[in-house]
Amino acid sequence: MIEDNLYYVDKSSFVRQLVDAEKYYFLSRPRRFGKSVFIDTLKEAF
C-alpha cells in the first residue's frame, strides 16, 4: 500500500457494530472500495 501511494481507512470500529446488531448485511460497494480489506479485518477479529 505504501509503495503504491494508497490510503487505508480503518473500519475496524464497525466490527463491533456488526456483531452487536445480530443481523445479516450485504456489503454492496463499488469496485476498489475496500470490501476485501474489510472482510480480511473481520477474519482477523474472529
Protein backbone atom coordinates (compact mmCIF):
# COMPACT_ATOMS: atom_id res chain seq x y z
CA MET A 1 0.00 0.00 0.00
CA ILE A 2 2.80 2.40 0.83
CA GLU A 3 4.72 1.68 -2.36
CA ASP A 4 1.63 2.32 -4.48
CA ASN A 5 0.81 5.53 -2.57
CA LEU A 6 -2.60 4.18 -1.48
CA TYR A 7 -4.72 5.14 1.51
CA TYR A 8 -6.18 2.84 4.16
CA VAL A 9 -9.36 3.76 6.02
CA ASP A 10 -9.57 1.85 9.29
CA LYS A 11 -13.07 0.39 9.51
CA SER A 12 -12.36 -1.93 12.41
CA SER A 13 -14.71 0.04 14.66
CA PHE A 14 -17.60 -1.25 12.54
CA VAL A 15 -16.84 -4.86 13.54
CA ARG A 16 -18.39 -4.36 16.98
CA GLN A 17 -21.45 -2.69 15.45
CA LEU A 18 -21.99 -5.61 13.07
CA VAL A 19 -21.66 -8.16 15.86
CA ASP A 20 -23.95 -6.28 18.25
CA ALA A 21 -26.65 -5.74 15.61
CA GLU A 22 -27.18 -9.51 15.16
CA LYS A 23 -28.38 -9.01 11.58
CA TYR A 24 -27.17 -10.03 8.15
CA TYR A 25 -25.57 -7.41 5.95
CA PHE A 26 -24.99 -7.31 2.22
CA LEU A 27 -21.82 -5.34 1.53
CA SER A 28 -22.57 -3.66 -1.76
CA ARG A 29 -19.93 -1.09 -2.69
CA PRO A 30 -18.26 -0.01 -5.94
CA ARG A 31 -15.10 -1.67 -7.22
CA ARG A 32 -11.92 -0.88 -5.29
CA PHE A 33 -13.92 0.44 -2.32
CA GLY A 34 -12.23 -1.67 0.38
CA LYS A 35 -14.59 -4.64 0.65
CA SER A 36 -11.81 -7.23 0.62
CA VAL A 37 -9.76 -5.34 3.20
CA PHE A 38 -12.82 -5.09 5.46
CA ILE A 39 -13.53 -8.82 5.09
CA ASP A 40 -9.89 -9.52 5.98
CA THR A 41 -10.36 -7.36 9.08
CA LEU A 42 -13.42 -9.44 10.04
CA LYS A 43 -11.44 -12.66 9.59
CA GLU A 44 -8.73 -11.39 11.93
CA ALA A 45 -11.30 -10.35 14.54
CA PHE A 46 -12.67 -13.89 14.72
